[in-house]
Structure formats: structure tokens, C-alpha cells
Amino acid sequence: MSTFTLPELIAKLRECAGDSDTYDLDTDDVIDVPFLELGYDSLALLQVTGVLDRELGIELSDDEVAAVETPRLFLGLINDTLGLRAA
């Protein structure tokens, strides 16, 4: 896997924590919306992190995940980790 995408992240969020009640997640407009505003708390992100580790071998620390506030930042963290693994 070379790049983890926004649609892939949205699918994992829906799988782990359901759909957003306030936003249409199928638009790129959500990439900079804070997770709390989207209806996802830190527990939801940690659940996604566990799935990414189990399914794709992407290991992220709880502290790193706690620091991300938007889908763009989370994707950056995921893709940086993928890049380090590929190097």
C-alpha cells in the first residue's frame, strides 16, 4: 500500500464508530473538520488505529493518535508511517 486515502479513512471510521450525524463524510469538505465536530472522539480514533494495525500492519502510538485533530492530520500520520515502513 503506497498511500492511505480519505475514503479509506472514512470507511474505517464508519466501521469502527458509525457515521457522522452532522456531516456528509463522502465529500472532501470534511478533511479539515475536527474529529470532535464530526462526532468522533479519541476512543473512535483508537479503535481505527487498532484496525489499521491488525489489518494493514500500520502501528501508531496512542500519543500520536491523540495529537491529531482532523482527518488531514490523521492521514498524514498514517502515510508518514507507511513511508517509513517502505523506506
N, C-alpha and C. Protein backbone atom coordinates (compact mmCIF):
# COMPACT_ATOMS: atom_id res chain seq x y z
N MET A 1 0.85 -1.17 0.00
CA MET A 1 0.00 0.00 0.00
C MET A 1 0.89 1.23 0.00
N SER A 2 0.65 2.15 -0.92
CA SER A 2 1.51 3.31 -1.02
C SER A 2 0.95 4.52 -0.27
N THR A 3 -0.33 4.81 -0.43
CA THR A 3 -0.94 5.96 0.23
C THR A 3 -2.32 5.57 0.74
N PHE A 4 -2.57 5.91 1.99
CA PHE A 4 -3.88 5.70 2.59
C PHE A 4 -4.70 6.95 2.28
N THR A 5 -5.91 6.78 1.78
CA THR A 5 -6.71 7.89 1.28
C THR A 5 -7.84 8.29 2.23
N LEU A 6 -8.41 9.45 1.99
CA LEU A 6 -9.55 9.91 2.78
C LEU A 6 -10.73 8.94 2.72
N PRO A 7 -11.11 8.44 1.54
CA PRO A 7 -12.22 7.47 1.52
C PRO A 7 -11.92 6.21 2.34
N GLU A 8 -10.67 5.77 2.34
CA GLU A 8 -10.31 4.61 3.15
C GLU A 8 -10.42 4.92 4.64
N LEU A 9 -9.99 6.12 5.03
CA LEU A 9 -10.11 6.52 6.44
C LEU A 9 -11.58 6.63 6.84
N ILE A 10 -12.39 7.23 6.00
CA ILE A 10 -13.82 7.36 6.28
C ILE A 10 -14.46 5.98 6.45
N ALA A 11 -14.10 5.05 5.59
CA ALA A 11 -14.64 3.69 5.70
C ALA A 11 -14.27 3.07 7.04
N LYS A 12 -13.03 3.27 7.49
CA LYS A 12 -12.61 2.72 8.79
C LYS A 12 -13.33 3.41 9.94
N LEU A 13 -13.53 4.72 9.84
CA LEU A 13 -14.28 5.43 10.88
C LEU A 13 -15.71 4.90 10.98
N ARG A 14 -16.34 4.71 9.83
CA ARG A 14 -17.72 4.18 9.82
C ARG A 14 -17.76 2.77 10.39
N GLU A 15 -16.79 1.96 10.02
CA GLU A 15 -16.71 0.58 10.50
C GLU A 15 -16.56 0.53 12.02
N CYS A 16 -15.75 1.42 12.57
CA CYS A 16 -15.43 1.38 13.99
C CYS A 16 -16.40 2.17 14.87
N ALA A 17 -16.93 3.28 14.33
CA ALA A 17 -17.71 4.16 15.19
C ALA A 17 -18.99 4.68 14.57
N GLY A 18 -19.36 4.18 13.42
CA GLY A 18 -20.59 4.62 12.78
C GLY A 18 -20.40 5.87 11.94
N ASP A 19 -21.49 6.35 11.39
CA ASP A 19 -21.46 7.51 10.50
C ASP A 19 -21.62 8.79 11.31
N SER A 20 -21.17 9.89 10.75
CA SER A 20 -21.34 11.20 11.37
C SER A 20 -22.80 11.61 11.28
N ASP A 21 -23.31 12.17 12.36
CA ASP A 21 -24.69 12.67 12.36
C ASP A 21 -24.78 14.09 11.82
N THR A 22 -23.63 14.76 11.70
CA THR A 22 -23.65 16.18 11.35
C THR A 22 -23.03 16.50 9.99
N TYR A 23 -22.26 15.60 9.42
CA TYR A 23 -21.56 15.87 8.16
C TYR A 23 -21.75 14.74 7.17
N ASP A 24 -21.71 15.10 5.90
CA ASP A 24 -21.67 14.11 4.83
C ASP A 24 -20.20 13.75 4.63
N LEU A 25 -19.83 12.59 5.09
CA LEU A 25 -18.42 12.18 5.06
C LEU A 25 -17.93 11.81 3.66
N ASP A 26 -18.83 11.76 2.71
CA ASP A 26 -18.44 11.39 1.36
C ASP A 26 -17.97 12.58 0.53
N THR A 27 -17.71 13.70 1.18
CA THR A 27 -17.16 14.86 0.47
C THR A 27 -15.79 15.17 1.04
N ASP A 28 -14.94 15.77 0.25
CA ASP A 28 -13.61 16.16 0.71
C ASP A 28 -13.68 17.34 1.68
N ASP A 29 -14.85 17.93 1.82
CA ASP A 29 -15.00 19.08 2.72
C ASP A 29 -14.70 18.73 4.17
N VAL A 30 -14.71 17.47 4.53
CA VAL A 30 -14.50 17.07 5.93
C VAL A 30 -13.03 16.91 6.28
N ILE A 31 -12.13 17.03 5.33
CA ILE A 31 -10.73 16.72 5.59
C ILE A 31 -10.11 17.61 6.67
N ASP A 32 -10.61 18.84 6.82
CA ASP A 32 -10.06 19.75 7.83
C ASP A 32 -11.03 20.03 8.98
N VAL A 33 -12.11 19.27 9.05
CA VAL A 33 -13.07 19.43 10.15
C VAL A 33 -12.57 18.60 11.34
N PRO A 34 -12.51 19.22 12.53
CA PRO A 34 -12.05 18.47 13.71
C PRO A 34 -12.90 17.21 13.95
N PHE A 35 -12.23 16.15 14.39
CA PHE A 35 -12.93 14.89 14.63
C PHE A 35 -14.08 15.07 15.62
N LEU A 36 -13.88 15.87 16.66
CA LEU A 36 -14.96 16.06 17.64
C LEU A 36 -16.18 16.68 16.99
N GLU A 37 -15.98 17.61 16.06
CA GLU A 37 -17.09 18.22 15.35
C GLU A 37 -17.78 17.21 14.43
N LEU A 38 -17.01 16.26 13.92
CA LEU A 38 -17.57 15.19 13.07
C LEU A 38 -18.32 14.15 13.90
N GLY A 39 -18.10 14.18 15.22
CA GLY A 39 -18.76 13.23 16.11
C GLY A 39 -17.89 12.05 16.50
N TYR A 40 -16.58 12.16 16.30
CA TYR A 40 -15.66 11.08 16.65
C TYR A 40 -14.74 11.53 17.77
N ASP A 41 -14.71 10.77 18.85
CA ASP A 41 -13.83 11.10 19.97
C ASP A 41 -12.54 10.29 19.89
N SER A 42 -11.70 10.45 20.89
CA SER A 42 -10.41 9.76 20.88
C SER A 42 -10.57 8.24 20.90
N LEU A 43 -11.61 7.74 21.54
CA LEU A 43 -11.84 6.30 21.56
C LEU A 43 -12.10 5.77 20.15
N ALA A 44 -12.86 6.51 19.36
CA ALA A 44 -13.12 6.11 17.97
C ALA A 44 -11.82 6.05 17.18
N LEU A 45 -10.96 7.05 17.38
CA LEU A 45 -9.68 7.06 16.66
C LEU A 45 -8.79 5.91 17.10
N LEU A 46 -8.81 5.58 18.37
CA LEU A 46 -8.01 4.45 18.85
C LEU A 46 -8.55 3.13 18.30
N GLN A 47 -9.85 3.04 18.13
CA GLN A 47 -10.42 1.84 17.51
C GLN A 47 -9.96 1.72 16.06
N VAL A 48 -9.96 2.82 15.35
CA VAL A 48 -9.46 2.82 13.96
C VAL A 48 -8.00 2.42 13.95
N THR A 49 -7.22 2.94 14.88
CA THR A 49 -5.80 2.61 14.97
C THR A 49 -5.60 1.11 15.16
N GLY A 50 -6.41 0.51 16.02
CA GLY A 50 -6.31 -0.94 16.23
C GLY A 50 -6.62 -1.72 14.97
N VAL A 51 -7.62 -1.30 14.23
CA VAL A 51 -7.98 -1.96 12.98
C VAL A 51 -6.86 -1.81 11.95
N LEU A 52 -6.30 -0.61 11.87
CA LEU A 52 -5.20 -0.38 10.91
C LEU A 52 -4.00 -1.27 11.25
N ASP A 53 -3.74 -1.45 12.53
CA ASP A 53 -2.63 -2.31 12.94
C ASP A 53 -2.92 -3.76 12.58
N ARG A 54 -4.11 -4.24 12.92
CA ARG A 54 -4.46 -5.64 12.65
C ARG A 54 -4.54 -5.96 11.17
N GLU A 55 -5.19 -5.09 10.41
CA GLU A 55 -5.45 -5.38 9.00
C GLU A 55 -4.30 -5.01 8.07
N LEU A 56 -3.57 -3.93 8.41
CA LEU A 56 -2.57 -3.42 7.48
C LEU A 56 -1.17 -3.35 8.06
N GLY A 57 -1.03 -3.65 9.35
CA GLY A 57 0.28 -3.60 9.97
C GLY A 57 0.78 -2.18 10.19
N ILE A 58 -0.13 -1.20 10.25
CA ILE A 58 0.25 0.19 10.49
C ILE A 58 0.20 0.43 11.99
N GLU A 59 1.37 0.57 12.61
CA GLU A 59 1.45 0.76 14.05
C GLU A 59 1.59 2.24 14.37
N LEU A 60 0.64 2.77 15.12
CA LEU A 60 0.66 4.16 15.55
C LEU A 60 0.56 4.19 17.07
N SER A 61 1.31 5.08 17.70
CA SER A 61 1.25 5.17 19.16
C SER A 61 -0.01 5.92 19.58
N ASP A 62 -0.48 5.60 20.76
CA ASP A 62 -1.67 6.28 21.30
C ASP A 62 -1.42 7.78 21.41
N ASP A 63 -0.21 8.18 21.79
CA ASP A 63 0.11 9.60 21.92
C ASP A 63 0.05 10.31 20.58
N GLU A 64 0.54 9.66 19.53
CA GLU A 64 0.49 10.25 18.19
C GLU A 64 -0.96 10.44 17.75
N VAL A 65 -1.76 9.42 17.98
CA VAL A 65 -3.17 9.47 17.56
C VAL A 65 -3.93 10.53 18.37
N ALA A 66 -3.62 10.65 19.65
CA ALA A 66 -4.30 11.64 20.48
C ALA A 66 -4.00 13.07 20.03
N ALA A 67 -2.88 13.26 19.35
CA ALA A 67 -2.48 14.60 18.93
C ALA A 67 -3.15 15.05 17.62
N VAL A 68 -3.70 14.12 16.85
CA VAL A 68 -4.32 14.51 15.58
C VAL A 68 -5.74 14.98 15.83
N GLU A 69 -6.11 16.07 15.17
CA GLU A 69 -7.42 16.65 15.40
C GLU A 69 -8.33 16.60 14.18
N THR A 70 -7.76 16.34 13.00
CA THR A 70 -8.56 16.35 11.77
C THR A 70 -8.20 15.14 10.92
N PRO A 71 -9.07 14.78 9.98
CA PRO A 71 -8.73 13.70 9.06
C PRO A 71 -7.42 13.97 8.29
N ARG A 72 -7.16 15.22 7.90
CA ARG A 72 -5.92 15.52 7.18
C ARG A 72 -4.70 15.15 8.03
N LEU A 73 -4.72 15.52 9.30
CA LEU A 73 -3.59 15.22 10.18
C LEU A 73 -3.46 13.72 10.42
N PHE A 74 -4.60 13.03 10.56
CA PHE A 74 -4.56 11.58 10.76
C PHE A 74 -4.01 10.88 9.52
N LEU A 75 -4.43 11.32 8.34
CA LEU A 75 -3.90 10.75 7.10
C LEU A 75 -2.41 11.01 6.98
N GLY A 76 -1.97 12.19 7.38
CA GLY A 76 -0.54 12.49 7.35
C GLY A 76 0.24 11.55 8.23
N LEU A 77 -0.27 11.29 9.43
CA LEU A 77 0.39 10.37 10.35
C LEU A 77 0.44 8.95 9.77
N ILE A 78 -0.68 8.49 9.24
CA ILE A 78 -0.75 7.16 8.65
C ILE A 78 0.23 7.05 7.47
N ASN A 79 0.20 8.03 6.58
CA ASN A 79 1.04 7.96 5.38
C ASN A 79 2.51 8.16 5.70
N ASP A 80 2.82 8.96 6.71
CA ASP A 80 4.23 9.06 7.14
C ASP A 80 4.71 7.72 7.66
N THR A 81 3.87 7.04 8.41
CA THR A 81 4.23 5.72 8.94
C THR A 81 4.41 4.72 7.81
N LEU A 82 3.52 4.77 6.82
CA LEU A 82 3.67 3.89 5.65
C LEU A 82 4.96 4.19 4.90
N GLY A 83 5.31 5.47 4.78
CA GLY A 83 6.53 5.85 4.09
C GLY A 83 7.77 5.37 4.81
N LEU A 84 7.77 5.43 6.13
CA LEU A 84 8.90 4.96 6.92
C LEU A 84 9.05 3.44 6.78
N ARG A 85 7.91 2.77 6.73
CA ARG A 85 7.95 1.31 6.60
C ARG A 85 8.48 0.89 5.25
N ALA A 86 8.17 1.68 4.21
CA ALA A 86 8.61 1.34 2.84
C ALA A 86 10.08 1.67 2.61
N ALA A 87 10.61 2.57 3.43
CA ALA A 87 12.00 3.01 3.22
C ALA A 87 13.01 1.96 3.65
